[in-house]
Amino acid sequence: FKVKNDRIFEEQVKTAYNGSGGFRFDDNDYIRLKLDMFFAIPKSYTKKRKENCLSGVEKPAKKPDIDNVLKNICDSLNGVAYKDDIQIVEVICSKHYTSEDEDYMIIVLEEIGNNEIK
C-alpha cells in the first residue's frame, strides 16, 4: 500500500472491504478498529538487519505515518462499513516488517458491546 493519493487509496480500501463481504454495522454500534501494517524489508538490508526486522528488534519507523493511514481508512469506510467514523471508539494500530515482497495491511472491525466499555 502506498498512500500517495488519498482519494485513490480510499477507493482501494472501499473495494477491498466490499470484496471481503462488506458487513455494515448498525448506526448505533460502537466499533473497535484494528490495523496492522506490514512492510517488505528493503532488499539492501544485511542478513543480520533482516533477521532483526523479522524478530521485531527493528521496527518500521518510516513513512507513511500510522495516524495518516488510520485517518484515511476511517474516512474511506464512512457510509460503507458504518454510518460515520465517530462510531469507532477504540483503535489498535501497529507497524511490522514482513518477509513478503510487498507491503500490505490487515484491517479488522469489531462491534464492542455496551458491557465492554469502561
Protein backbone atom coordinates (compact mmCIF):
# COMPACT_ATOMS: atom_id res chain seq x y z
CA PHE A 1 0.00 0.00 0.00
CA LYS A 2 1.17 3.43 -0.87
CA VAL A 3 -0.68 6.48 0.39
CA LYS A 4 0.35 9.00 -2.24
CA ASN A 5 -3.13 9.94 -3.37
CA ASP A 6 -5.76 9.90 -0.62
CA ARG A 7 -8.70 9.52 -2.99
CA ILE A 8 -7.20 6.52 -4.82
CA PHE A 9 -6.18 4.91 -1.52
CA GLU A 10 -9.68 5.37 -0.08
CA GLU A 11 -11.24 3.78 -3.19
CA GLN A 12 -8.88 0.82 -2.84
CA VAL A 13 -9.89 0.38 0.81
CA LYS A 14 -13.61 0.51 -0.11
CA THR A 15 -13.14 -2.01 -2.91
CA ALA A 16 -11.17 -4.37 -0.67
CA TYR A 17 -13.74 -4.07 2.12
CA ASN A 18 -16.67 -4.75 -0.18
CA GLY A 19 -14.76 -7.62 -1.79
CA SER A 20 -14.29 -9.26 1.61
CA GLY A 21 -18.01 -9.38 2.34
CA GLY A 22 -18.61 -5.77 3.30
CA PHE A 23 -20.51 -6.11 6.60
CA ARG A 24 -22.45 -2.95 7.52
CA PHE A 25 -22.62 -2.04 11.22
CA ASP A 26 -25.82 -0.59 12.67
CA ASP A 27 -25.88 3.18 13.10
CA ASN A 28 -25.72 2.91 16.90
CA ASP A 29 -22.98 0.26 17.15
CA TYR A 30 -19.68 1.01 18.87
CA ILE A 31 -16.73 -0.20 16.82
CA ARG A 32 -13.16 -1.32 17.53
CA LEU A 33 -10.75 -0.93 14.60
CA LYS A 34 -7.56 -2.99 14.47
CA LEU A 35 -4.98 -2.02 11.88
CA ASP A 36 -1.79 -3.97 11.24
CA MET A 37 0.51 -2.58 8.55
CA PHE A 38 3.20 -4.84 7.13
CA PHE A 39 6.24 -3.54 5.26
CA ALA A 40 8.56 -5.50 3.00
CA ILE A 41 12.13 -5.47 4.24
CA PRO A 42 14.34 -3.45 1.89
CA LYS A 43 16.49 -5.73 -0.25
CA SER A 44 19.55 -3.62 0.58
CA TYR A 45 19.44 -4.63 4.27
CA THR A 46 22.13 -7.02 5.53
CA LYS A 47 21.18 -10.54 6.57
CA LYS A 48 21.56 -9.58 10.26
CA ARG A 49 19.40 -6.49 9.83
CA LYS A 50 16.72 -8.54 8.02
CA GLU A 51 16.75 -11.00 10.94
CA ASN A 52 16.31 -8.08 13.35
CA CYS A 53 13.35 -6.83 11.31
CA LEU A 54 11.62 -10.21 11.29
CA SER A 55 12.22 -10.81 15.01
CA GLY A 56 10.80 -7.39 15.91
CA VAL A 57 14.09 -5.95 17.17
CA GLU A 58 13.95 -3.34 14.41
CA LYS A 59 10.59 -1.70 13.70
CA PRO A 60 9.44 0.09 10.53
CA ALA A 61 9.62 3.66 11.85
CA LYS A 62 9.08 5.09 8.39
CA LYS A 63 6.52 6.70 6.11
CA PRO A 64 3.60 6.52 5.85
CA ASP A 65 2.73 7.84 9.30
CA ILE A 66 0.43 5.48 11.14
CA ASP A 67 -2.04 8.25 12.03
CA ASN A 68 -2.39 9.38 8.42
CA VAL A 69 -3.15 5.85 7.21
CA LEU A 70 -5.63 5.36 10.04
CA LYS A 71 -7.45 8.59 9.19
CA ASN A 72 -7.69 7.60 5.52
CA ILE A 73 -9.07 4.17 6.41
CA CYS A 74 -11.65 5.57 8.83
CA ASP A 75 -12.81 8.14 6.28
CA SER A 76 -12.92 5.66 3.40
CA LEU A 77 -15.31 3.34 5.25
CA ASN A 78 -17.82 6.10 6.11
CA GLY A 79 -21.14 5.08 4.62
CA VAL A 80 -19.70 1.69 3.68
CA ALA A 81 -18.92 -0.23 6.89
CA TYR A 82 -20.62 2.21 9.24
CA LYS A 83 -22.64 5.39 9.08
CA ASP A 84 -19.83 7.61 10.38
CA ASP A 85 -16.38 7.02 11.83
CA ILE A 86 -17.48 8.66 15.08
CA GLN A 87 -18.75 5.14 15.88
CA ILE A 88 -15.12 4.00 16.23
CA VAL A 89 -14.40 4.22 19.94
CA GLU A 90 -11.30 2.06 20.16
CA VAL A 91 -8.28 1.74 17.87
CA ILE A 92 -5.33 -0.67 17.93
CA CYS A 93 -2.62 0.07 15.33
CA SER A 94 0.80 -1.35 14.67
CA LYS A 95 3.53 -1.45 12.03
CA HIS A 96 5.58 -4.57 11.32
CA TYR A 97 8.12 -5.88 8.87
CA THR A 98 7.20 -8.91 6.80
CA SER A 99 9.13 -11.46 4.76
CA GLU A 100 6.65 -10.89 1.92
CA ASP A 101 7.82 -8.95 -1.13
CA GLU A 102 5.04 -6.35 -0.97
CA ASP A 103 3.56 -4.10 1.69
CA TYR A 104 0.07 -4.94 2.89
CA MET A 105 -2.33 -4.27 5.73
CA ILE A 106 -4.95 -6.12 7.71
CA ILE A 107 -7.99 -4.18 8.91
CA VAL A 108 -10.41 -5.73 11.39
CA LEU A 109 -13.62 -4.04 12.52
CA GLU A 110 -15.44 -5.43 15.55
CA GLU A 111 -18.58 -4.42 17.37
CA ILE A 112 -18.00 -3.52 21.00
CA GLY A 113 -20.91 -4.38 23.23
CA ASN A 114 -22.07 -1.78 25.77
CA ASN A 115 -20.88 -4.01 28.62
CA GLU A 116 -17.28 -3.88 27.28
CA ILE A 117 -16.95 -0.10 27.55
CA LYS A 118 -15.42 1.01 30.83
